[in-house]
Amino acid sequence: MKKCFAKKCTYFISWFMVLVILTIFQDSIRAQVTESILRKTRDLKEVEEAIHNVFGWAVEKDFDLFYHTIADDSCFISVTPYNRVKFGINDVRQDSTFWGSPYFKAIRHEIRDLKIHFSSSGNVAWFYCVVSDFNEWKGEPSNWENVRWTGVLEKRNEKWRVVQQHFSWAKED
């Protein structure tokens, strides 16, 4: 009888240990999935914020915010609807006199239809939206309205940076 009881106890303990290990494994997977979801949610929020900062910096003329939102090297590319192309941060910095002028006043911007997608690595995001940028030059409206905007962001040192952007007006037929 003791042998039978010992055998049952060993059997019970073995199955109990299997259940404990499976529970720990399941909790570990659940924690990893939860962390992945939180990271993706955080990245989405940070990418949206960076996209808004490309225009939002101008209201307070916060050049530091702008320069920390775009790639701060020669990789940055910006194409405007005026067929102007800026290659690198130095090209962008040349416009700081214009944006910093007391004649220029940013009022607000609106972003609609924002679509963001991430690479499988999670370190690159690309987007599409329609932007309207309301501002004045010497007291007169100087707006960009209903401009298509596409771009690419890269996560560098845990910060999302715009590395490429393209603005265009839709051609009406």
C-alpha atoms as a PDB file:
ATOM      1  CA  MET A   1       0.000   0.000   0.000  1.00  0.00           C
ATOM      2  CA  LYS A   2       2.850   2.395   0.782  1.00  0.00           C
ATOM      3  CA  LYS A   3       4.327   1.660  -2.636  1.00  0.00           C
ATOM      4  CA  CYS A   4       1.051   2.466  -4.325  1.00  0.00           C
ATOM      5  CA  PHE A   5       0.672   5.689  -2.350  1.00  0.00           C
ATOM      6  CA  ALA A   6       4.255   6.748  -3.174  1.00  0.00           C
ATOM      7  CA  LYS A   7       3.662   5.995  -6.844  1.00  0.00           C
ATOM      8  CA  LYS A   8       0.480   8.110  -6.840  1.00  0.00           C
ATOM      9  CA  CYS A   9       2.266  10.934  -5.038  1.00  0.00           C
ATOM     10  CA  THR A  10       5.137  10.867  -7.539  1.00  0.00           C
ATOM     11  CA  TYR A  11       2.642  10.863 -10.419  1.00  0.00           C
ATOM     12  CA  PHE A  12       0.676  13.739  -8.849  1.00  0.00           C
ATOM     13  CA  ILE A  13       3.826  15.786  -8.134  1.00  0.00           C
ATOM     14  CA  SER A  14       5.088  15.237 -11.693  1.00  0.00           C
ATOM     15  CA  TRP A  15       1.833  16.497 -13.206  1.00  0.00           C
ATOM     16  CA  PHE A  16       1.660  19.336 -10.719  1.00  0.00           C
ATOM     17  CA  MET A  17       5.182  20.458 -11.731  1.00  0.00           C
ATOM     18  CA  VAL A  18       4.214  20.281 -15.414  1.00  0.00           C
ATOM     19  CA  LEU A  19       1.206  22.523 -14.689  1.00  0.00           C
ATOM     20  CA  VAL A  20       3.370  24.972 -12.730  1.00  0.00           C
ATOM     21  CA  ILE A  21       5.920  25.147 -15.570  1.00  0.00           C
ATOM     22  CA  LEU A  22       3.171  25.624 -18.163  1.00  0.00           C
ATOM     23  CA  THR A  23       1.609  28.396 -16.074  1.00  0.00           C
ATOM     24  CA  ILE A  24       4.967  30.170 -15.742  1.00  0.00           C
ATOM     25  CA  PHE A  25       5.582  29.775 -19.478  1.00  0.00           C
ATOM     26  CA  GLN A  26       2.096  31.124 -20.273  1.00  0.00           C
ATOM     27  CA  ASP A  27       2.619  34.117 -17.965  1.00  0.00           C
ATOM     28  CA  SER A  28       5.965  34.829 -19.636  1.00  0.00           C
ATOM     29  CA  ILE A  29       4.391  34.778 -23.102  1.00  0.00           C
ATOM     30  CA  ARG A  30       1.523  36.976 -21.905  1.00  0.00           C
ATOM     31  CA  ALA A  31       4.045  39.478 -20.473  1.00  0.00           C
ATOM     32  CA  GLN A  32       5.977  39.517 -23.765  1.00  0.00           C
ATOM     33  CA  VAL A  33       2.804  40.076 -25.779  1.00  0.00           C
ATOM     34  CA  THR A  34       1.700  42.831 -23.395  1.00  0.00           C
ATOM     35  CA  GLU A  35       5.119  44.513 -23.660  1.00  0.00           C
ATOM     36  CA  SER A  36       4.985  44.282 -27.460  1.00  0.00           C
ATOM     37  CA  ILE A  37       1.541  45.897 -27.549  1.00  0.00           C
ATOM     38  CA  LEU A  38       2.654  48.659 -25.171  1.00  0.00           C
ATOM     39  CA  ARG A  39       5.785  49.309 -27.257  1.00  0.00           C
ATOM     40  CA  LYS A  40       3.766  49.524 -30.486  1.00  0.00           C
ATOM     41  CA  THR A  41       1.244  51.854 -28.837  1.00  0.00           C
ATOM     42  CA  ARG A  42       4.062  54.052 -27.494  1.00  0.00           C
ATOM     43  CA  ASP A  43       5.812  54.099 -30.902  1.00  0.00           C
ATOM     44  CA  LEU A  44       2.570  55.041 -32.675  1.00  0.00           C
ATOM     45  CA  LYS A  45       2.023  57.928 -30.262  1.00  0.00           C
ATOM     46  CA  GLU A  46       5.634  59.111 -30.650  1.00  0.00           C
ATOM     47  CA  VAL A  47       5.463  58.936 -34.464  1.00  0.00           C
ATOM     48  CA  GLU A  48       2.210  60.934 -34.476  1.00  0.00           C
ATOM     49  CA  GLU A  49       3.818  63.511 -32.193  1.00  0.00           C
ATOM     50  CA  ALA A  50       6.880  63.793 -34.456  1.00  0.00           C
ATOM     51  CA  ILE A  51       4.646  64.261 -37.500  1.00  0.00           C
ATOM     52  CA  HIS A  52       2.773  67.085 -35.748  1.00  0.00           C
ATOM     53  CA  ASN A  53       6.055  68.653 -34.570  1.00  0.00           C
ATOM     54  CA  VAL A  54       7.203  69.147 -38.173  1.00  0.00           C
ATOM     55  CA  PHE A  55       4.648  71.979 -38.323  1.00  0.00           C
ATOM     56  CA  GLY A  56       3.826  72.583 -34.658  1.00  0.00           C
ATOM     57  CA  TRP A  57       7.268  73.928 -33.755  1.00  0.00           C
ATOM     58  CA  ALA A  58       6.633  77.059 -35.836  1.00  0.00           C
ATOM     59  CA  VAL A  59       3.916  78.560 -33.603  1.00  0.00           C
ATOM     60  CA  GLU A  60       6.464  79.219 -30.841  1.00  0.00           C
ATOM     61  CA  LYS A  61       9.423  79.241 -33.275  1.00  0.00           C
ATOM     62  CA  ASP A  62      10.915  76.369 -31.296  1.00  0.00           C
ATOM     63  CA  PHE A  63      13.793  75.547 -33.658  1.00  0.00           C
ATOM     64  CA  ASP A  64      15.246  73.012 -31.194  1.00  0.00           C
ATOM     65  CA  LEU A  65      12.007  71.014 -31.374  1.00  0.00           C
ATOM     66  CA  PHE A  66      12.079  71.115 -35.172  1.00  0.00           C
ATOM     67  CA  TYR A  67      15.751  70.165 -35.479  1.00  0.00           C
ATOM     68  CA  HIS A  68      15.233  67.292 -33.020  1.00  0.00           C
ATOM     69  CA  THR A  69      12.250  66.035 -35.037  1.00  0.00           C
ATOM     70  CA  ILE A  70      13.986  65.693 -38.393  1.00  0.00           C
ATOM     71  CA  ALA A  71      17.152  63.719 -39.170  1.00  0.00           C
ATOM     72  CA  ASP A  72      20.073  65.887 -38.135  1.00  0.00           C
ATOM     73  CA  ASP A  73      22.428  64.715 -40.857  1.00  0.00           C
ATOM     74  CA  SER A  74      22.858  64.645 -44.623  1.00  0.00           C
ATOM     75  CA  CYS A  75      20.260  61.832 -44.987  1.00  0.00           C
ATOM     76  CA  PHE A  76      17.260  64.151 -44.551  1.00  0.00           C
ATOM     77  CA  ILE A  77      15.310  64.851 -47.772  1.00  0.00           C
ATOM     78  CA  SER A  78      12.378  67.249 -48.075  1.00  0.00           C
ATOM     79  CA  VAL A  79      10.494  67.871 -51.326  1.00  0.00           C
ATOM     80  CA  THR A  80       8.029  70.784 -51.406  1.00  0.00           C
ATOM     81  CA  PRO A  81       5.157  71.483 -53.802  1.00  0.00           C
ATOM     82  CA  TYR A  82       7.301  74.278 -55.250  1.00  0.00           C
ATOM     83  CA  ASN A  83       9.754  71.716 -56.676  1.00  0.00           C
ATOM     84  CA  ARG A  84      12.314  72.662 -54.053  1.00  0.00           C
ATOM     85  CA  VAL A  85      14.363  69.863 -52.559  1.00  0.00           C
ATOM     86  CA  LYS A  86      16.324  70.114 -49.336  1.00  0.00           C
ATOM     87  CA  PHE A  87      19.113  67.583 -48.889  1.00  0.00           C
ATOM     88  CA  GLY A  88      20.349  67.345 -45.319  1.00  0.00           C
ATOM     89  CA  ILE A  89      20.009  69.363 -42.165  1.00  0.00           C
ATOM     90  CA  ASN A  90      22.330  72.114 -43.433  1.00  0.00           C
ATOM     91  CA  ASP A  91      19.958  72.942 -46.313  1.00  0.00           C
ATOM     92  CA  VAL A  92      17.111  73.179 -43.814  1.00  0.00           C
ATOM     93  CA  ARG A  93      19.071  75.380 -41.408  1.00  0.00           C
ATOM     94  CA  GLN A  94      19.611  77.908 -44.220  1.00  0.00           C
ATOM     95  CA  ASP A  95      15.865  78.668 -44.051  1.00  0.00           C
ATOM     96  CA  SER A  96      15.955  79.519 -40.333  1.00  0.00           C
ATOM     97  CA  THR A  97      16.276  83.239 -41.093  1.00  0.00           C
ATOM     98  CA  PHE A  98      13.010  83.111 -43.051  1.00  0.00           C
ATOM     99  CA  TRP A  99      11.102  81.126 -40.392  1.00  0.00           C
ATOM    100  CA  GLY A 100      12.579  83.207 -37.587  1.00  0.00           C
ATOM    101  CA  SER A 101      11.637  86.484 -39.249  1.00  0.00           C
ATOM    102  CA  PRO A 102       9.137  88.688 -37.397  1.00  0.00           C
ATOM    103  CA  TYR A 103       7.225  88.813 -40.718  1.00  0.00           C
ATOM    104  CA  PHE A 104       6.459  85.094 -40.488  1.00  0.00           C
ATOM    105  CA  LYS A 105       3.742  84.004 -38.075  1.00  0.00           C
ATOM    106  CA  ALA A 106       2.577  80.397 -37.806  1.00  0.00           C
ATOM    107  CA  ILE A 107      -1.038  80.150 -36.629  1.00  0.00           C
ATOM    108  CA  ARG A 108      -1.916  76.457 -36.606  1.00  0.00           C
ATOM    109  CA  HIS A 109      -1.900  73.266 -38.649  1.00  0.00           C
ATOM    110  CA  GLU A 110      -4.392  70.487 -39.285  1.00  0.00           C
ATOM    111  CA  ILE A 111      -3.594  66.901 -40.224  1.00  0.00           C
ATOM    112  CA  ARG A 112      -6.304  64.681 -41.715  1.00  0.00           C
ATOM    113  CA  ASP A 113      -6.498  61.092 -42.907  1.00  0.00           C
ATOM    114  CA  LEU A 114      -3.245  60.174 -41.166  1.00  0.00           C
ATOM    115  CA  LYS A 115      -2.150  56.623 -41.986  1.00  0.00           C
ATOM    116  CA  ILE A 116       0.973  55.190 -40.328  1.00  0.00           C
ATOM    117  CA  HIS A 117       2.631  51.846 -41.032  1.00  0.00           C
ATOM    118  CA  PHE A 118       5.653  50.244 -39.356  1.00  0.00           C
ATOM    119  CA  SER A 119       8.333  47.974 -40.792  1.00  0.00           C
ATOM    120  CA  SER A 120       8.544  44.457 -39.409  1.00  0.00           C
ATOM    121  CA  SER A 121      11.660  45.501 -37.458  1.00  0.00           C
ATOM    122  CA  GLY A 122       9.681  48.321 -35.826  1.00  0.00           C
ATOM    123  CA  ASN A 123      12.457  50.863 -36.456  1.00  0.00           C
ATOM    124  CA  VAL A 124      11.002  52.473 -39.590  1.00  0.00           C
ATOM    125  CA  ALA A 125       7.585  54.051 -40.099  1.00  0.00           C
ATOM    126  CA  TRP A 126       6.039  55.611 -43.167  1.00  0.00           C
ATOM    127  CA  PHE A 127       2.958  57.789 -43.340  1.00  0.00           C
ATOM    128  CA  TYR A 128       0.444  59.527 -45.547  1.00  0.00           C
ATOM    129  CA  CYS A 129      -1.891  62.399 -44.642  1.00  0.00           C
ATOM    130  CA  VAL A 130      -3.382  65.655 -45.850  1.00  0.00           C
ATOM    131  CA  VAL A 131      -2.037  68.743 -44.107  1.00  0.00           C
ATOM    132  CA  SER A 132      -3.165  72.343 -43.965  1.00  0.00           C
ATOM    133  CA  ASP A 133      -0.694  74.854 -42.561  1.00  0.00           C
ATOM    134  CA  PHE A 134      -2.126  78.246 -41.630  1.00  0.00           C
ATOM    135  CA  ASN A 135       0.324  81.126 -41.331  1.00  0.00           C
ATOM    136  CA  GLU A 136       0.954  84.714 -42.307  1.00  0.00           C
ATOM    137  CA  TRP A 137       3.718  86.618 -44.022  1.00  0.00           C
ATOM    138  CA  LYS A 138       3.718  90.355 -43.293  1.00  0.00           C
ATOM    139  CA  GLY A 139       0.151  90.052 -41.989  1.00  0.00           C
ATOM    140  CA  GLU A 140      -1.190  88.384 -45.144  1.00  0.00           C
ATOM    141  CA  PRO A 141      -2.347  84.741 -45.305  1.00  0.00           C
ATOM    142  CA  SER A 142       0.299  82.440 -46.698  1.00  0.00           C
ATOM    143  CA  ASN A 143      -1.288  79.032 -46.211  1.00  0.00           C
ATOM    144  CA  TRP A 144      -0.736  75.561 -47.513  1.00  0.00           C
ATOM    145  CA  GLU A 145      -4.170  73.989 -47.664  1.00  0.00           C
ATOM    146  CA  ASN A 146      -5.053  70.377 -48.455  1.00  0.00           C
ATOM    147  CA  VAL A 147      -1.489  69.383 -49.273  1.00  0.00           C
ATOM    148  CA  ARG A 148      -0.715  65.676 -49.595  1.00  0.00           C
ATOM    149  CA  TRP A 149       2.161  64.740 -47.322  1.00  0.00           C
ATOM    150  CA  THR A 150       4.064  61.472 -47.242  1.00  0.00           C
ATOM    151  CA  GLY A 151       7.137  60.665 -45.254  1.00  0.00           C
ATOM    152  CA  VAL A 152       9.429  58.181 -43.603  1.00  0.00           C
ATOM    153  CA  LEU A 153      10.609  58.170 -39.997  1.00  0.00           C
ATOM    154  CA  GLU A 154      13.435  56.166 -38.495  1.00  0.00           C
ATOM    155  CA  LYS A 155      13.939  55.350 -34.838  1.00  0.00           C
ATOM    156  CA  ARG A 156      17.404  56.604 -33.901  1.00  0.00           C
ATOM    157  CA  ASN A 157      18.682  56.358 -30.337  1.00  0.00           C
ATOM    158  CA  GLU A 158      15.111  55.667 -29.173  1.00  0.00           C
ATOM    159  CA  LYS A 159      13.795  58.874 -30.848  1.00  0.00           C
ATOM    160  CA  TRP A 160      11.663  58.990 -33.995  1.00  0.00           C
ATOM    161  CA  ARG A 161      13.135  61.274 -36.672  1.00  0.00           C
ATOM    162  CA  VAL A 162      11.662  62.261 -40.025  1.00  0.00           C
ATOM    163  CA  VAL A 163      14.252  61.248 -42.618  1.00  0.00           C
ATOM    164  CA  GLN A 164      12.253  61.911 -45.769  1.00  0.00           C
ATOM    165  CA  GLN A 165       9.117  63.867 -46.643  1.00  0.00           C
ATOM    166  CA  HIS A 166       7.292  64.896 -49.776  1.00  0.00           C
ATOM    167  CA  PHE A 167       4.556  67.503 -50.142  1.00  0.00           C
ATOM    168  CA  SER A 168       2.327  67.903 -53.207  1.00  0.00           C
ATOM    169  CA  TRP A 169      -0.937  69.401 -54.324  1.00  0.00           C
ATOM    170  CA  ALA A 170      -3.332  67.085 -56.093  1.00  0.00           C
ATOM    171  CA  LYS A 171      -3.737  68.045 -59.735  1.00  0.00           C
ATOM    172  CA  GLU A 172      -7.367  68.726 -60.559  1.00  0.00           C
ATOM    173  CA  ASP A 173      -8.531  67.374 -63.939  1.00  0.00           C
END
